[in-house]
Protein backbone atom coordinates (compact mmCIF):
# COMPACT_ATOMS: atom_id res chain seq x y z
CA SER A 1 0.00 0.05 0.06
CA GLY A 2 0.98 3.57 -0.13
CA ARG A 3 1.26 3.87 3.48
CA ASP A 4 3.49 0.77 3.61
CA ARG A 5 5.72 2.27 0.92
CA GLY A 6 6.06 5.59 2.87
CA ARG A 7 6.92 3.67 5.83
CA ARG A 8 9.55 1.90 4.24
CA LEU A 9 11.12 4.91 2.63
CA GLY A 10 10.96 6.79 5.92
CA PRO A 11 9.78 10.32 6.89
CA GLY A 12 12.12 12.21 4.64
CA ALA A 13 10.57 10.25 1.40
CA ARG A 14 7.22 11.55 2.36
CA GLY A 15 8.34 15.04 2.70
CA GLY A 16 8.43 16.08 -0.88
CA GLY A 17 9.66 15.07 -4.33
CA ARG A 18 13.12 15.92 -3.95
CA ASN A 19 13.67 13.64 -0.61
CA ARG A 20 11.64 10.78 -2.40
CA ALA A 21 14.06 11.22 -5.48
CA GLY A 22 16.99 11.10 -3.28
CA VAL A 23 15.83 8.16 -1.74
CA VAL A 24 15.07 6.40 -4.84
CA ALA A 25 18.43 7.31 -6.33
CA ALA A 26 20.02 5.85 -3.26
CA ARG A 27 18.34 2.72 -3.71
CA VAL A 28 19.31 2.63 -7.69
CA LEU A 29 22.99 3.33 -6.83
CA GLY A 30 22.73 0.29 -4.33
CA THR A 31 21.30 -2.01 -6.73
CA VAL A 32 23.93 -1.07 -9.37
CA ARG A 33 26.66 -1.57 -6.84
CA VAL A 34 25.32 -5.02 -5.94
CA VAL A 35 24.88 -6.19 -9.64
CA ALA A 36 28.44 -4.94 -10.32
CA VAL A 37 29.99 -6.97 -7.44
CA ALA A 38 27.85 -10.00 -8.36
CA GLY A 39 28.93 -9.63 -12.08
CA GLY A 40 32.52 -9.44 -11.23
CA LEU A 41 32.27 -12.62 -9.23
CA GLY A 42 30.64 -14.36 -11.90
CA ALA A 43 27.46 -14.88 -9.83
CA LEU A 44 25.05 -13.53 -12.57
CA GLY A 45 22.79 -15.98 -14.31
CA PRO A 46 20.48 -18.90 -13.48
CA PRO A 47 19.95 -19.36 -9.63
CA PRO A 48 21.89 -22.17 -8.32
CA GLY A 49 20.10 -25.63 -8.21
CA ASP A 50 20.19 -27.94 -5.30
CA PRO A 51 23.94 -28.41 -4.72
CA ALA A 52 25.29 -30.97 -2.46
CA HIS A 53 26.67 -28.34 -0.15
CA GLY A 54 23.26 -26.77 0.72
CA ALA A 55 21.91 -27.50 4.19
CA ARG A 56 19.33 -30.03 4.62
CA LEU A 57 18.10 -29.93 8.19
CA ARG A 58 15.18 -31.85 9.87
CA GLY A 59 13.38 -31.66 13.05
CA PRO A 60 12.43 -28.57 15.16
CA ARG A 61 14.47 -25.45 14.67
CA HIS A 62 17.11 -25.17 17.35
CA SER A 63 16.39 -28.74 18.73
CA ARG A 64 19.65 -30.38 19.86
CA ALA A 65 19.92 -32.74 16.84
CA ARG A 66 19.16 -30.04 14.38
CA ASP A 67 21.68 -27.66 16.10
CA ARG A 68 24.47 -30.37 15.86
CA ALA A 69 23.64 -31.00 12.11
CA ALA A 70 23.69 -27.18 11.59
CA VAL A 71 27.16 -26.83 13.17
CA SER A 72 28.22 -29.88 11.27
CA HIS A 73 27.28 -28.36 7.90
CA HIS A 74 29.35 -25.19 8.47
CA TYR A 75 32.21 -26.11 10.78
CA ASP A 76 33.01 -29.62 9.73
CA LEU A 77 33.58 -28.60 6.19
CA SER A 78 37.18 -29.74 6.90
CA ASN A 79 39.85 -28.45 9.00
CA ALA A 80 42.04 -28.22 5.74
CA PHE A 81 39.46 -25.74 4.26
CA TYR A 82 39.83 -23.39 7.22
CA ALA A 83 43.46 -23.73 7.48
CA LEU A 84 43.55 -22.11 3.96
CA LEU A 85 41.25 -19.50 4.61
CA LEU A 86 42.33 -18.25 8.21
CA ASP A 87 45.48 -17.14 9.81
CA PRO A 88 47.61 -19.45 11.80
CA THR A 89 45.76 -19.03 14.85
CA MET A 90 42.78 -20.48 13.14
CA SER A 91 40.62 -17.69 14.53
CA TYR A 92 37.27 -17.55 12.63
CA SER A 93 35.80 -14.42 14.20
CA CYS A 94 36.22 -10.59 13.92
CA ALA A 95 39.76 -9.42 14.43
CA TYR A 96 40.82 -6.49 16.34
CA TRP A 97 42.84 -4.14 14.14
CA ARG A 98 45.19 -1.74 16.37
CA ARG A 99 46.62 -0.49 13.05
CA PRO A 100 44.84 -0.16 9.77
CA PRO A 101 44.97 -3.05 7.56
CA GLY A 102 47.26 -3.23 4.42
CA GLU A 103 50.63 -2.16 6.39
CA PRO A 104 53.28 -4.83 5.43
CA ASP A 105 54.12 -5.60 8.86
CA HIS A 106 50.75 -5.83 10.26
CA THR A 107 48.69 -8.84 9.10
CA ILE A 108 45.30 -10.67 9.83
CA ALA A 109 47.40 -12.82 12.21
CA ASP A 110 48.59 -9.87 14.23
CA ALA A 111 45.00 -8.68 14.45
CA GLN A 112 43.61 -11.87 15.54
CA ARG A 113 46.36 -12.17 18.34
CA ASP A 114 45.43 -8.67 19.43
CA LYS A 115 41.69 -9.81 19.49
CA LEU A 116 42.77 -12.58 21.84
CA GLU A 117 44.68 -10.29 24.07
CA LEU A 118 42.00 -7.66 24.23
CA ILE A 119 39.53 -10.38 25.54
CA CYS A 120 41.81 -11.79 27.94
CA ARG A 121 42.75 -8.38 29.44
CA LYS A 122 38.95 -7.49 29.42
CA LEU A 123 38.41 -10.62 31.62
CA GLU A 124 41.45 -10.00 33.91
CA LEU A 125 42.69 -13.33 33.49
CA GLY A 126 45.67 -14.28 35.60
CA PRO A 127 47.45 -17.68 36.68
CA GLY A 128 44.91 -20.08 37.93
CA SER A 129 41.90 -18.29 36.62
CA ARG A 130 39.02 -20.41 35.49
CA LEU A 131 37.80 -19.87 32.12
CA LEU A 132 34.95 -21.43 30.24
CA ASP A 133 35.11 -20.63 26.42
CA ILE A 134 31.76 -21.75 24.90
CA GLY A 135 32.08 -22.33 21.23
CA CYS A 136 35.77 -22.40 21.26
CA GLY A 137 36.25 -22.99 17.50
CA TRP A 138 39.59 -24.06 16.69
CA GLY A 139 40.74 -23.27 20.33
CA ALA A 140 42.73 -20.03 19.64
CA LEU A 141 41.32 -18.19 22.67
CA ALA A 142 41.77 -21.26 25.03
CA ARG A 143 45.36 -21.77 23.96
CA HIS A 144 46.09 -18.09 24.28
CA ALA A 145 44.44 -17.69 27.59
CA ALA A 146 46.28 -20.82 28.97
CA ALA A 147 49.72 -20.17 27.57
CA GLU A 148 49.92 -16.59 27.89
CA HIS A 149 47.88 -15.84 31.05
CA GLY A 150 48.14 -19.22 32.86
CA ALA A 151 44.41 -19.51 32.80
CA LEU A 152 42.61 -23.03 33.46
CA VAL A 153 40.37 -23.38 30.38
CA THR A 154 37.35 -25.54 29.61
CA ALA A 155 36.70 -25.29 25.82
CA VAL A 156 33.27 -26.32 24.56
CA THR A 157 32.47 -26.80 20.81
CA LEU A 158 29.63 -28.73 19.21
CA SER A 159 31.85 -29.54 16.13
CA ARG A 160 33.65 -32.93 16.06
CA GLU A 161 36.12 -31.67 13.67
CA GLN A 162 37.08 -28.87 16.00
CA ALA A 163 37.10 -30.73 19.12
CA GLY A 164 39.59 -33.31 17.57
CA HIS A 165 41.73 -30.40 16.19
CA VAL A 166 41.82 -28.46 19.61
CA ARG A 167 42.85 -31.84 21.50
CA ARG A 168 45.73 -32.23 19.29
CA LEU A 169 47.06 -28.74 19.37
CA VAL A 170 46.64 -29.06 23.28
CA THR A 171 48.89 -32.10 23.34
CA ASP A 172 51.36 -30.40 20.85
CA ASP A 173 51.52 -27.12 22.81
CA GLU A 174 52.09 -29.18 26.23
CA LEU A 175 48.94 -27.58 27.63
CA THR A 176 47.62 -30.67 28.82
CA GLY A 177 46.00 -30.26 32.19
CA ARG A 178 45.60 -26.61 31.55
CA VAL A 179 42.98 -26.94 28.69
CA ASP A 180 40.32 -29.20 28.73
CA VAL A 181 37.99 -29.76 25.73
CA LEU A 182 34.35 -30.85 25.91
CA HIS A 183 32.37 -31.94 22.56
CA ALA A 184 29.02 -30.99 23.90
CA ASP A 185 25.95 -28.81 23.31
CA TYR A 186 25.85 -25.85 25.53
CA ARG A 187 22.73 -27.02 27.08
CA GLU A 188 24.42 -29.98 28.45
CA LEU A 189 26.80 -28.10 30.42
CA PRO A 190 24.95 -27.92 33.76
CA GLU A 191 25.12 -31.77 33.51
CA LEU A 192 28.70 -31.81 32.63
CA LEU A 193 29.90 -29.27 34.73
CA PRO A 194 27.86 -29.56 38.11
CA VAL A 195 30.27 -27.35 39.83
CA ALA A 196 30.16 -24.04 38.01
CA GLY A 197 31.82 -21.02 39.40
CA PHE A 198 33.96 -19.75 36.59
CA ASP A 199 35.90 -16.65 36.84
CA ALA A 200 35.21 -15.88 33.40
CA VAL A 201 33.04 -17.16 30.57
CA THR A 202 33.39 -16.36 26.97
CA SER A 203 31.09 -16.67 23.88
CA VAL A 204 32.86 -15.48 20.70
CA GLU A 205 30.30 -15.33 17.79
CA MET A 206 28.54 -18.45 19.20
CA GLY A 207 25.39 -16.63 20.29
CA GLU A 208 24.40 -16.21 16.64
CA HIS A 209 23.57 -19.94 16.59
CA VAL A 210 21.52 -20.07 19.77
CA GLY A 211 18.18 -18.86 18.26
CA ASP A 212 15.70 -16.21 19.18
CA ALA A 213 13.39 -17.85 21.47
CA GLU A 214 16.43 -19.87 23.14
CA TYR A 215 18.58 -16.85 23.86
CA PRO A 216 16.85 -16.04 27.35
CA ALA A 217 17.69 -19.38 28.56
CA PHE A 218 21.34 -19.06 27.05
CA ALA A 219 21.70 -15.75 29.02
CA ALA A 220 20.47 -17.54 32.06
CA LEU A 221 22.74 -20.23 31.76
CA LEU A 222 25.82 -17.82 31.28
CA ARG A 223 25.01 -16.25 34.70
CA HIS A 224 24.72 -19.48 36.14
CA LEU A 225 28.12 -20.58 35.09
CA LEU A 226 29.80 -17.47 36.57
CA ARG A 227 30.78 -17.26 40.12
CA PRO A 228 29.58 -14.06 41.82
CA GLY A 229 31.83 -11.16 40.60
CA GLY A 230 32.88 -13.44 37.58
CA ARG A 231 33.23 -11.84 34.24
CA LEU A 232 31.49 -12.46 30.91
CA LEU A 233 32.73 -11.37 27.32
CA VAL A 234 30.19 -12.08 24.58
CA GLN A 235 31.26 -11.13 21.09
CA GLN A 236 28.18 -11.28 18.69
CA MET A 237 27.06 -9.95 15.38
CA SER A 238 24.17 -7.59 15.32
CA ARG A 239 22.02 -6.16 12.67
CA GLY A 240 20.28 -2.89 12.06
CA ARG A 241 16.58 -2.71 13.36
CA HIS A 242 15.42 -3.12 9.77
CA ALA A 243 18.15 -5.07 8.22
CA PRO A 244 17.46 -8.96 7.49
CA GLY A 245 20.65 -10.21 9.14
CA GLY A 246 21.90 -13.37 7.73
CA GLY A 247 19.22 -13.73 5.20
CA ALA A 248 18.25 -16.95 3.03
CA PHE A 249 21.70 -17.22 1.05
CA ILE A 250 23.71 -17.52 4.38
CA GLU A 251 21.07 -19.80 5.99
CA THR A 252 20.92 -22.16 2.71
CA TYR A 253 24.85 -22.41 2.01
CA ILE A 254 26.80 -21.01 4.95
CA ALA A 255 25.28 -21.00 8.47
CA PRO A 256 21.98 -22.70 8.78
CA ASP A 257 19.41 -21.17 11.37
CA MET A 258 21.76 -18.27 12.18
CA HIS A 259 19.94 -15.39 14.10
CA MET A 260 21.11 -11.85 14.72
CA ARG A 261 19.09 -9.13 16.54
CA PRO A 262 20.08 -5.41 17.14
CA LEU A 263 22.67 -4.90 19.93
CA ALA A 264 20.44 -3.43 22.25
CA GLN A 265 18.06 -6.22 22.25
CA THR A 266 20.87 -8.69 23.13
CA ILE A 267 22.02 -6.24 25.98
CA GLY A 268 18.49 -6.15 27.25
CA LEU A 269 18.50 -10.22 27.13
CA LEU A 270 21.69 -10.44 29.08
CA ALA A 271 20.43 -7.87 31.78
CA ASP A 272 17.04 -9.57 32.13
CA ALA A 273 18.91 -12.57 33.02
CA GLY A 274 20.68 -10.91 35.95
CA LEU A 275 23.92 -9.95 34.50
CA GLU A 276 25.24 -6.35 34.89
CA ILE A 277 26.38 -4.82 31.86
CA ARG A 278 29.85 -2.97 32.12
CA ALA A 279 30.92 -2.07 28.77
CA THR A 280 30.18 -2.52 25.03
CA GLN A 281 32.64 -2.12 22.32
CA ALA A 282 31.64 -1.97 18.54
CA LEU A 283 33.93 -3.58 15.99
CA ARG A 284 31.95 -3.17 12.76
CA GLU A 285 34.54 -1.78 10.69
CA HIS A 286 37.04 -4.23 11.85
CA TYR A 287 34.91 -7.04 10.56
CA ALA A 288 34.83 -5.51 7.16
CA TRP A 289 38.74 -5.32 7.21
CA THR A 290 38.62 -9.16 8.52
CA THR A 291 36.48 -10.45 5.80
CA ALA A 292 38.61 -8.65 3.22
CA ALA A 293 41.43 -10.44 4.57
CA TRP A 294 39.78 -13.83 4.24
CA LEU A 295 38.50 -13.10 0.89
CA GLU A 296 42.26 -12.34 -0.28
CA SER A 297 43.17 -15.73 1.19
CA LEU A 298 40.58 -17.31 -0.96
CA GLU A 299 41.44 -15.57 -3.98
CA CYS A 300 45.16 -15.98 -3.63
CA ARG A 301 44.73 -19.85 -3.02
CA TRP A 302 41.73 -20.28 -5.36
CA ASP A 303 43.38 -23.34 -7.14
CA ALA A 304 43.91 -25.07 -3.64
CA PHE A 305 40.50 -24.31 -2.63
CA THR A 306 38.83 -25.55 -5.65
CA ALA A 307 40.93 -28.92 -5.47
CA LEU A 308 39.81 -29.34 -1.94
CA VAL A 309 36.04 -28.55 -2.11
CA GLY A 310 35.19 -28.06 -5.58
CA GLU A 311 34.38 -24.72 -7.54
CA PRO A 312 30.60 -24.56 -6.51
CA THR A 313 31.55 -24.45 -3.04
CA ALA A 314 34.56 -22.03 -3.27
CA ARG A 315 32.41 -19.82 -5.22
CA VAL A 316 29.61 -19.70 -2.51
CA TRP A 317 32.24 -18.66 -0.04
CA ARG A 318 33.48 -16.09 -2.56
CA LEU A 319 29.83 -14.62 -2.49
CA TYR A 320 29.32 -14.81 1.27
CA LEU A 321 32.78 -13.24 1.99
CA THR A 322 31.94 -10.44 -0.40
CA GLY A 323 28.53 -9.70 0.77
CA GLY A 324 29.48 -10.01 4.15
CA GLY A 325 32.03 -7.31 3.91
CA LEU A 326 29.56 -5.16 1.96
CA ALA A 327 27.07 -5.63 4.90
CA PHE A 328 29.61 -4.55 7.65
CA GLU A 329 31.05 -1.68 5.44
CA GLU A 330 27.57 -0.33 5.04
CA GLY A 331 26.27 -0.82 8.48
CA ARG A 332 23.53 -3.35 7.94
CA MET A 333 25.44 -5.61 10.13
CA GLY A 334 27.80 -5.08 13.11
CA VAL A 335 29.59 -7.13 15.53
CA ASP A 336 30.33 -6.00 19.29
CA GLN A 337 32.01 -7.09 22.45
CA ILE A 338 29.79 -6.97 25.45
CA LEU A 339 31.34 -7.19 28.83
CA ALA A 340 29.01 -7.99 31.78
CA THR A 341 29.58 -9.57 35.31
CA ARG A 342 27.51 -11.61 37.49
CA PRO A 343 26.91 -9.21 40.43
CA PRO A 344 28.51 -10.38 43.96
CA VAL A 345 26.29 -11.04 46.74
CA VAL A 346 25.48 -7.93 48.76
CA GLY A 347 27.85 -8.75 51.48
CA GLN A 348 30.68 -9.07 49.02
CA ARG A 349 30.30 -6.02 47.05
CA ARG A 350 32.56 -3.64 48.97
CA ALA A 351 35.34 -6.52 49.47
CA ALA A 352 35.31 -6.99 45.68
CA HIS A 353 36.02 -3.72 44.84
CA ASP A 354 39.64 -2.92 44.62
CA GLY A 355 39.66 0.56 43.38
CA ARG A 356 40.46 -0.01 39.83
CA PRO A 357 37.75 1.24 37.13
CA THR A 358 35.75 -1.32 35.37
CA GLY A 359 34.77 -1.18 31.63
CA VAL A 360 36.75 -1.50 28.35
CA SER A 361 40.19 -2.61 29.29
CA ARG A 362 42.92 -0.41 28.07
CA GLY A 363 44.11 -0.87 24.50
């Protein structure tokens, strides 16, 4: 309807022909840009058929069996694939670029190590600190926290490929006894970890896989797993209020059942669970730079990728990384670090305060 069109265009579009023309022109330019990118990637033409790598999930959304299948579809593509794509730390999440990308002596590997260190400093990890890393990926944060800060880490992943990889690295790095790896669904943690009370809990780009209806229970679990006064670091992608987030392409070919929400909603859900929000840090532009680095790896190693997974899968990832980079660049998607604490019990509040300011860690 006309009213719906006005709502979609925004108040300025109803204010006169000049404003309406500006909105339409912006949309046309956006379409031209998308078409140009798609053409450059060889993506124009008939829609893809039903490729073998498309997700075929069964059962209720975010049931344990379906979540396990969804995670396997994306993260069990093969460790060799991600080793080609990622930096040596095997960090598959937004990096933290302390210097602009492109400098010859500052690479994606440096930015990922800086991200790991940023998280550890925000959590104030030290020798003997108990850290629970939910959605540990290939173990970059767990290994860094143990090796560089002396933390005792429990690393959790739903991916069988990742769990095996992390266990091998823990042995190779002589971190046995300091990093424990669990191949488990996060909902199994109350049974597997009957004594919680962790000093710190992290969820680095795992919350997008939890689901909308399931997130309140996830937030409550994060609080439960922390000791009073313990710290939580959630790094999570977000979307604008009217942006679609992942969309059908990502859910079909890349990350099935993925869900993003505006940052304010995630903060509200964490607060509703009884967590105290201490700081947020937006890293949107950092993800545009990160996806650009991954895309460069894909292009530079194209023959190796196609030999490993086939050209159709490689082309899907080319589109995914290009489209994701544009979404972060244009502000349709974001990523944020949310620092929160489980408030200490009333009698412990004064004793817990040591005079240091809380909030975003230095750096």
